[in-house]
Protein backbone atom coordinates (compact mmCIF):
# COMPACT_ATOMS: atom_id res chain seq x y z
CA MET A 1 78.00 106.09 98.93
CA LYS A 2 79.19 102.94 100.71
CA LYS A 3 80.59 103.38 104.20
CA VAL A 4 83.38 101.28 105.66
CA VAL A 5 83.30 100.86 109.41
CA ILE A 6 86.62 100.06 111.06
CA ALA A 7 85.78 98.04 114.14
CA GLY A 8 87.43 95.83 116.69
CA PRO A 9 86.23 92.21 116.81
CA SER A 10 83.57 92.83 119.48
CA GLY A 11 82.27 95.98 117.77
CA ALA A 12 82.14 94.15 114.46
CA ARG A 13 80.16 91.26 115.94
CA ALA A 14 77.65 93.79 117.28
CA LEU A 15 76.91 94.77 113.68
CA VAL A 16 75.63 91.25 112.89
CA GLY A 17 71.87 91.46 112.95
CA SER A 18 71.92 95.21 113.62
CA GLY A 19 70.08 96.04 110.43
CA VAL A 20 73.01 97.63 108.61
CA GLY A 21 72.56 96.88 104.96
CA SER A 22 74.60 96.51 101.83
CA SER A 23 75.69 100.15 102.03
CA VAL A 24 78.10 99.21 104.84
CA ALA A 25 81.29 97.19 104.74
CA VAL A 26 83.39 96.35 107.80
CA LEU A 27 87.15 96.19 108.23
CA VAL A 28 87.77 94.26 111.45
CA ALA A 29 91.05 95.28 113.04
CA GLY A 30 92.75 93.88 116.12
CA GLU A 31 95.78 92.20 117.63
CA ASP A 32 94.16 88.76 118.07
CA ALA A 33 94.15 86.99 114.70
CA ALA A 34 91.61 84.38 115.80
CA ALA A 35 89.16 87.01 117.06
CA VAL A 36 89.54 89.04 113.85
CA GLY A 37 88.96 85.93 111.71
CA ASP A 38 85.92 84.86 113.73
CA ALA A 39 84.37 88.33 113.45
CA VAL A 40 85.00 88.51 109.70
CA ALA A 41 83.44 85.05 109.25
CA ALA A 42 80.36 86.06 111.27
CA LEU A 43 79.92 89.25 109.24
CA ARG A 44 80.25 87.42 105.94
CA ALA A 45 77.81 84.73 107.09
CA ALA A 46 75.35 87.55 107.83
CA GLY A 47 75.75 88.80 104.26
CA LEU A 48 77.96 91.82 104.97
CA GLU A 49 81.14 92.68 103.13
CA ALA A 50 84.04 92.27 105.53
CA ALA A 51 87.81 92.06 105.63
CA GLY A 52 90.32 91.74 108.44
CA TRP A 53 93.52 93.41 109.61
CA VAL A 54 95.73 91.83 112.24
CA GLY A 55 97.61 94.52 114.06
CA ASP A 56 97.13 97.84 115.77
CA PRO A 57 93.63 99.06 114.87
CA SER A 58 94.72 102.69 115.22
CA ALA A 59 97.54 102.34 112.66
CA ALA A 60 97.29 104.60 109.62
CA GLU A 61 97.63 101.50 107.44
CA VAL A 62 94.20 100.28 108.58
CA ARG A 63 92.47 103.28 107.01
CA GLU A 64 94.62 102.93 103.88
CA MET A 65 93.68 99.24 103.62
CA ALA A 66 89.98 100.08 103.99
CA LEU A 67 90.23 102.60 101.14
CA GLU A 68 92.09 100.10 98.98
CA LEU A 69 89.68 97.23 99.62
CA PHE A 70 86.55 99.34 99.23
CA PRO A 71 87.40 102.06 96.64
CA GLY A 72 85.26 105.17 96.72
CA ALA A 73 83.86 104.40 100.17
CA GLU A 74 83.73 106.74 103.13
CA VAL A 75 85.72 105.39 106.07
CA VAL A 76 83.94 105.71 109.42
CA PRO A 77 85.97 105.81 112.66
CA ASP A 78 86.46 102.78 114.86
CA ALA A 79 83.26 101.30 116.21
CA GLY A 80 84.94 99.53 119.10
């Protein structure tokens, strides 16, 4: 089963080169649109599935968006 990690921009960037494979997708969430976009771009360049959410990372909508973007995946709590 694929896992979706919800992470802030810095936590998401830490996943680049960490050895996580294709079984992980990342939803980057944060208030700073530029930081979210940069983190998503870095993840995608590293070959990971990634999407971004600009807004409060603790909002219930973030989890809902992760489930919608990556159907059937298990959502893992915020990685930072």
